[in-house]
């Protein structure tokens, strides 16, 4: 039987516990100084607001990519689809030069970059940022969106990318 003494606030146990909650995975990307720039997030929250349409995500204070993306006019949010599973770790790598290798993309006039094969695309601008411990909560306003019902998203669960079952 579990007791109150079994509860903890240990950061490593917290990470392990949080990994037990499945979450969607999204690529945030845009042209920065003419170069496609991408970061992967598993903290995307959709439905934050419908009027106006807004989503949010959490950016670590130590991120080197978020400061670059945050200064762009628009950011493309691509929910990762099943076909991205094999490239997801590459997109999340610290080596920014290889993140787009072998990926098909679409660039919008706004500078937002989208991944081909995504079940959901959101073209967004940064609305606000809120401090939250070792992260910032970033609120994005959705300018335009598109969905592809033929594609399925992947989820991040127990530190592994997984496909949804029926």
C-alpha atoms as a PDB file:
ATOM      1  CA  UNK A   1       0.000   0.000   0.000  1.00  0.00           C
ATOM      2  CA  UNK A   2       1.218   3.483  -0.845  1.00  0.00           C
ATOM      3  CA  UNK A   3       1.697   5.921   2.014  1.00  0.00           C
ATOM      4  CA  UNK A   4       2.251   9.662   2.165  1.00  0.00           C
ATOM      5  CA  UNK A   5       5.897   8.918   3.018  1.00  0.00           C
ATOM      6  CA  UNK A   6       6.374   7.519  -0.528  1.00  0.00           C
ATOM      7  CA  UNK A   7       5.806  10.955  -2.096  1.00  0.00           C
ATOM      8  CA  UNK A   8       8.862  12.999  -3.096  1.00  0.00           C
ATOM      9  CA  UNK A   9       9.953  16.276  -4.681  1.00  0.00           C
ATOM     10  CA  UNK A  10      13.291  14.911  -5.933  1.00  0.00           C
ATOM     11  CA  UNK A  11      13.940  16.503  -9.389  1.00  0.00           C
ATOM     12  CA  UNK A  12      15.016  13.206 -10.993  1.00  0.00           C
ATOM     13  CA  UNK A  13      11.920  11.433  -9.686  1.00  0.00           C
ATOM     14  CA  UNK A  14       9.854  14.393 -10.902  1.00  0.00           C
ATOM     15  CA  UNK A  15      11.237  13.978 -14.445  1.00  0.00           C
ATOM     16  CA  UNK A  16      10.484  10.264 -14.291  1.00  0.00           C
ATOM     17  CA  UNK A  17       6.950  10.912 -13.067  1.00  0.00           C
ATOM     18  CA  UNK A  18       6.315  13.549 -15.742  1.00  0.00           C
ATOM     19  CA  UNK A  19       7.503  11.125 -18.438  1.00  0.00           C
ATOM     20  CA  UNK A  20       4.603   8.856 -17.483  1.00  0.00           C
ATOM     21  CA  UNK A  21       2.141  11.407 -18.849  1.00  0.00           C
ATOM     22  CA  UNK A  22       1.874  11.042 -22.652  1.00  0.00           C
ATOM     23  CA  UNK A  23       2.112  14.297 -24.545  1.00  0.00           C
ATOM     24  CA  UNK A  24       2.077  15.404 -28.130  1.00  0.00           C
ATOM     25  CA  UNK A  25       5.285  16.529 -29.769  1.00  0.00           C
ATOM     26  CA  UNK A  26       5.623  19.587 -31.973  1.00  0.00           C
ATOM     27  CA  UNK A  27       8.324  21.262 -34.031  1.00  0.00           C
ATOM     28  CA  UNK A  28       8.484  25.048 -33.758  1.00  0.00           C
ATOM     29  CA  UNK A  29      10.326  26.466 -36.743  1.00  0.00           C
ATOM     30  CA  UNK A  30      10.938  29.660 -38.668  1.00  0.00           C
ATOM     31  CA  UNK A  31      13.499  31.369 -40.829  1.00  0.00           C
ATOM     32  CA  UNK A  32      16.044  33.158 -38.643  1.00  0.00           C
ATOM     33  CA  UNK A  33      18.391  35.379 -40.620  1.00  0.00           C
ATOM     34  CA  UNK A  34      17.403  33.381 -43.701  1.00  0.00           C
ATOM     35  CA  UNK A  35      18.192  29.998 -42.118  1.00  0.00           C
ATOM     36  CA  UNK A  36      15.552  27.468 -41.053  1.00  0.00           C
ATOM     37  CA  UNK A  37      15.642  27.082 -37.269  1.00  0.00           C
ATOM     38  CA  UNK A  38      13.795  24.391 -35.321  1.00  0.00           C
ATOM     39  CA  UNK A  39      13.119  23.304 -31.763  1.00  0.00           C
ATOM     40  CA  UNK A  40      11.112  20.324 -30.496  1.00  0.00           C
ATOM     41  CA  UNK A  41       8.640  20.678 -27.627  1.00  0.00           C
ATOM     42  CA  UNK A  42       6.513  18.147 -25.785  1.00  0.00           C
ATOM     43  CA  UNK A  43       4.729  20.797 -23.737  1.00  0.00           C
ATOM     44  CA  UNK A  44       2.402  22.183 -26.398  1.00  0.00           C
ATOM     45  CA  UNK A  45      -1.012  22.967 -24.918  1.00  0.00           C
ATOM     46  CA  UNK A  46      -3.772  23.463 -27.469  1.00  0.00           C
ATOM     47  CA  UNK A  47      -7.134  25.015 -26.765  1.00  0.00           C
ATOM     48  CA  UNK A  48      -5.713  27.618 -24.398  1.00  0.00           C
ATOM     49  CA  UNK A  49      -8.180  30.024 -26.030  1.00  0.00           C
ATOM     50  CA  UNK A  50     -10.511  29.735 -28.998  1.00  0.00           C
ATOM     51  CA  UNK A  51     -11.391  33.451 -29.248  1.00  0.00           C
ATOM     52  CA  UNK A  52      -8.762  34.560 -30.102  1.00  0.00           C
ATOM     53  CA  UNK A  53      -7.117  31.224 -30.931  1.00  0.00           C
ATOM     54  CA  UNK A  54      -4.067  30.601 -28.723  1.00  0.00           C
ATOM     55  CA  UNK A  55      -1.756  27.751 -27.755  1.00  0.00           C
ATOM     56  CA  UNK A  56       1.138  27.629 -25.304  1.00  0.00           C
ATOM     57  CA  UNK A  57       4.340  25.739 -24.605  1.00  0.00           C
ATOM     58  CA  UNK A  58       7.186  25.811 -22.087  1.00  0.00           C
ATOM     59  CA  UNK A  59      10.722  26.880 -23.060  1.00  0.00           C
ATOM     60  CA  UNK A  60      13.673  26.022 -20.814  1.00  0.00           C
ATOM     61  CA  UNK A  61      15.750  28.986 -19.687  1.00  0.00           C
ATOM     62  CA  UNK A  62      18.849  27.215 -21.027  1.00  0.00           C
ATOM     63  CA  UNK A  63      17.444  26.877 -24.553  1.00  0.00           C
ATOM     64  CA  UNK A  64      19.701  28.364 -27.203  1.00  0.00           C
ATOM     65  CA  UNK A  65      17.089  28.001 -29.951  1.00  0.00           C
ATOM     66  CA  UNK A  66      14.111  29.708 -28.309  1.00  0.00           C
ATOM     67  CA  UNK A  67      15.801  33.143 -28.106  1.00  0.00           C
ATOM     68  CA  UNK A  68      16.404  32.922 -31.871  1.00  0.00           C
ATOM     69  CA  UNK A  69      12.842  31.848 -32.696  1.00  0.00           C
ATOM     70  CA  UNK A  70      11.288  34.363 -30.305  1.00  0.00           C
ATOM     71  CA  UNK A  71      12.473  37.299 -32.391  1.00  0.00           C
ATOM     72  CA  UNK A  72      10.899  36.095 -35.651  1.00  0.00           C
ATOM     73  CA  UNK A  73       7.720  37.542 -37.155  1.00  0.00           C
ATOM     74  CA  UNK A  74       5.945  34.173 -37.255  1.00  0.00           C
ATOM     75  CA  UNK A  75       6.594  30.629 -36.048  1.00  0.00           C
ATOM     76  CA  UNK A  76       5.377  27.452 -37.690  1.00  0.00           C
ATOM     77  CA  UNK A  77       4.106  24.836 -35.264  1.00  0.00           C
ATOM     78  CA  UNK A  78       4.019  21.361 -36.820  1.00  0.00           C
ATOM     79  CA  UNK A  79       2.565  18.560 -34.695  1.00  0.00           C
ATOM     80  CA  UNK A  80       4.838  15.600 -35.379  1.00  0.00           C
ATOM     81  CA  UNK A  81       3.221  12.798 -37.338  1.00  0.00           C
ATOM     82  CA  UNK A  82       4.004   9.095 -37.495  1.00  0.00           C
ATOM     83  CA  UNK A  83       6.381   9.597 -40.422  1.00  0.00           C
ATOM     84  CA  UNK A  84       8.535  11.892 -38.253  1.00  0.00           C
ATOM     85  CA  UNK A  85       9.200   9.215 -35.607  1.00  0.00           C
ATOM     86  CA  UNK A  86      12.536   8.213 -37.117  1.00  0.00           C
ATOM     87  CA  UNK A  87      13.704  11.834 -37.370  1.00  0.00           C
ATOM     88  CA  UNK A  88      12.384  13.184 -34.061  1.00  0.00           C
ATOM     89  CA  UNK A  89      15.597  12.704 -32.074  1.00  0.00           C
ATOM     90  CA  UNK A  90      17.571  14.244 -34.934  1.00  0.00           C
ATOM     91  CA  UNK A  91      15.291  17.308 -34.839  1.00  0.00           C
ATOM     92  CA  UNK A  92      15.788  17.573 -31.066  1.00  0.00           C
ATOM     93  CA  UNK A  93      19.582  17.191 -31.220  1.00  0.00           C
ATOM     94  CA  UNK A  94      21.947  19.847 -29.953  1.00  0.00           C
ATOM     95  CA  UNK A  95      23.550  19.948 -33.412  1.00  0.00           C
ATOM     96  CA  UNK A  96      21.489  22.635 -35.112  1.00  0.00           C
ATOM     97  CA  UNK A  97      23.152  21.933 -38.475  1.00  0.00           C
ATOM     98  CA  UNK A  98      21.597  18.470 -38.826  1.00  0.00           C
ATOM     99  CA  UNK A  99      18.080  19.111 -37.500  1.00  0.00           C
ATOM    100  CA  UNK A 100      16.534  19.534 -40.982  1.00  0.00           C
ATOM    101  CA  UNK A 101      18.535  16.792 -42.747  1.00  0.00           C
ATOM    102  CA  UNK A 102      16.213  14.666 -44.859  1.00  0.00           C
ATOM    103  CA  UNK A 103      13.083  16.623 -43.871  1.00  0.00           C
ATOM    104  CA  UNK A 104      10.650  18.110 -46.380  1.00  0.00           C
ATOM    105  CA  UNK A 105       9.475  21.571 -45.353  1.00  0.00           C
ATOM    106  CA  UNK A 106       7.236  24.362 -46.530  1.00  0.00           C
ATOM    107  CA  UNK A 107       8.074  28.014 -45.902  1.00  0.00           C
ATOM    108  CA  UNK A 108       5.260  30.542 -45.541  1.00  0.00           C
ATOM    109  CA  UNK A 109       5.583  34.152 -46.697  1.00  0.00           C
ATOM    110  CA  UNK A 110       5.659  35.141 -43.005  1.00  0.00           C
ATOM    111  CA  UNK A 111       8.880  33.167 -42.434  1.00  0.00           C
ATOM    112  CA  UNK A 112       7.130  30.348 -40.583  1.00  0.00           C
ATOM    113  CA  UNK A 113       8.479  26.912 -41.546  1.00  0.00           C
ATOM    114  CA  UNK A 114       6.317  23.769 -41.506  1.00  0.00           C
ATOM    115  CA  UNK A 115       7.205  20.073 -41.681  1.00  0.00           C
ATOM    116  CA  UNK A 116       5.588  18.079 -44.471  1.00  0.00           C
ATOM    117  CA  UNK A 117       3.602  15.128 -43.116  1.00  0.00           C
ATOM    118  CA  UNK A 118       2.320  16.876 -39.990  1.00  0.00           C
ATOM    119  CA  UNK A 119      -1.293  16.250 -38.958  1.00  0.00           C
ATOM    120  CA  UNK A 120      -1.600  19.866 -37.734  1.00  0.00           C
ATOM    121  CA  UNK A 121       0.078  23.092 -38.817  1.00  0.00           C
ATOM    122  CA  UNK A 122      -0.314  26.335 -36.866  1.00  0.00           C
ATOM    123  CA  UNK A 123       1.101  29.658 -38.017  1.00  0.00           C
ATOM    124  CA  UNK A 124       1.671  31.699 -34.852  1.00  0.00           C
ATOM    125  CA  UNK A 125       3.108  34.857 -33.350  1.00  0.00           C
ATOM    126  CA  UNK A 126       4.353  35.326 -29.796  1.00  0.00           C
ATOM    127  CA  UNK A 127       1.648  36.926 -27.681  1.00  0.00           C
ATOM    128  CA  UNK A 128       3.236  36.876 -24.201  1.00  0.00           C
ATOM    129  CA  UNK A 129       5.787  35.133 -22.030  1.00  0.00           C
ATOM    130  CA  UNK A 130       5.374  34.232 -18.349  1.00  0.00           C
ATOM    131  CA  UNK A 131       8.165  33.125 -15.986  1.00  0.00           C
ATOM    132  CA  UNK A 132       7.605  29.653 -14.524  1.00  0.00           C
ATOM    133  CA  UNK A 133      10.517  28.324 -12.481  1.00  0.00           C
ATOM    134  CA  UNK A 134      13.301  27.091 -14.777  1.00  0.00           C
ATOM    135  CA  UNK A 135      11.065  27.594 -17.840  1.00  0.00           C
ATOM    136  CA  UNK A 136       9.003  30.342 -19.415  1.00  0.00           C
ATOM    137  CA  UNK A 137       5.426  29.697 -20.503  1.00  0.00           C
ATOM    138  CA  UNK A 138       5.063  31.120 -24.003  1.00  0.00           C
ATOM    139  CA  UNK A 139       1.607  32.080 -25.243  1.00  0.00           C
ATOM    140  CA  UNK A 140       1.271  31.949 -29.028  1.00  0.00           C
ATOM    141  CA  UNK A 141      -1.546  33.529 -31.043  1.00  0.00           C
ATOM    142  CA  UNK A 142      -2.658  31.330 -33.929  1.00  0.00           C
ATOM    143  CA  UNK A 143      -2.887  33.318 -37.170  1.00  0.00           C
ATOM    144  CA  UNK A 144      -3.809  30.423 -39.464  1.00  0.00           C
ATOM    145  CA  UNK A 145      -3.975  26.644 -39.325  1.00  0.00           C
ATOM    146  CA  UNK A 146      -4.409  23.535 -41.393  1.00  0.00           C
ATOM    147  CA  UNK A 147      -5.116  19.899 -40.503  1.00  0.00           C
ATOM    148  CA  UNK A 148      -4.650  16.634 -42.370  1.00  0.00           C
ATOM    149  CA  UNK A 149      -7.060  13.956 -41.129  1.00  0.00           C
ATOM    150  CA  UNK A 150      -5.099  11.269 -43.013  1.00  0.00           C
ATOM    151  CA  UNK A 151      -2.096  11.730 -40.701  1.00  0.00           C
ATOM    152  CA  UNK A 152      -1.751  10.621 -37.070  1.00  0.00           C
ATOM    153  CA  UNK A 153       0.345  12.319 -34.395  1.00  0.00           C
ATOM    154  CA  UNK A 154       3.038  10.663 -32.316  1.00  0.00           C
ATOM    155  CA  UNK A 155       3.234  11.009 -28.541  1.00  0.00           C
ATOM    156  CA  UNK A 156       6.138  11.224 -26.113  1.00  0.00           C
ATOM    157  CA  UNK A 157       5.696   8.703 -23.316  1.00  0.00           C
ATOM    158  CA  UNK A 158       8.311   7.262 -20.938  1.00  0.00           C
ATOM    159  CA  UNK A 159      11.048   9.024 -22.907  1.00  0.00           C
ATOM    160  CA  UNK A 160      10.067   7.259 -26.143  1.00  0.00           C
ATOM    161  CA  UNK A 161       8.139   8.334 -29.239  1.00  0.00           C
ATOM    162  CA  UNK A 162       5.055   6.170 -29.660  1.00  0.00           C
ATOM    163  CA  UNK A 163       2.252   5.861 -32.161  1.00  0.00           C
ATOM    164  CA  UNK A 164      -1.364   5.982 -31.116  1.00  0.00           C
ATOM    165  CA  UNK A 165      -3.409   2.794 -31.164  1.00  0.00           C
ATOM    166  CA  UNK A 166      -7.074   2.577 -32.100  1.00  0.00           C
END
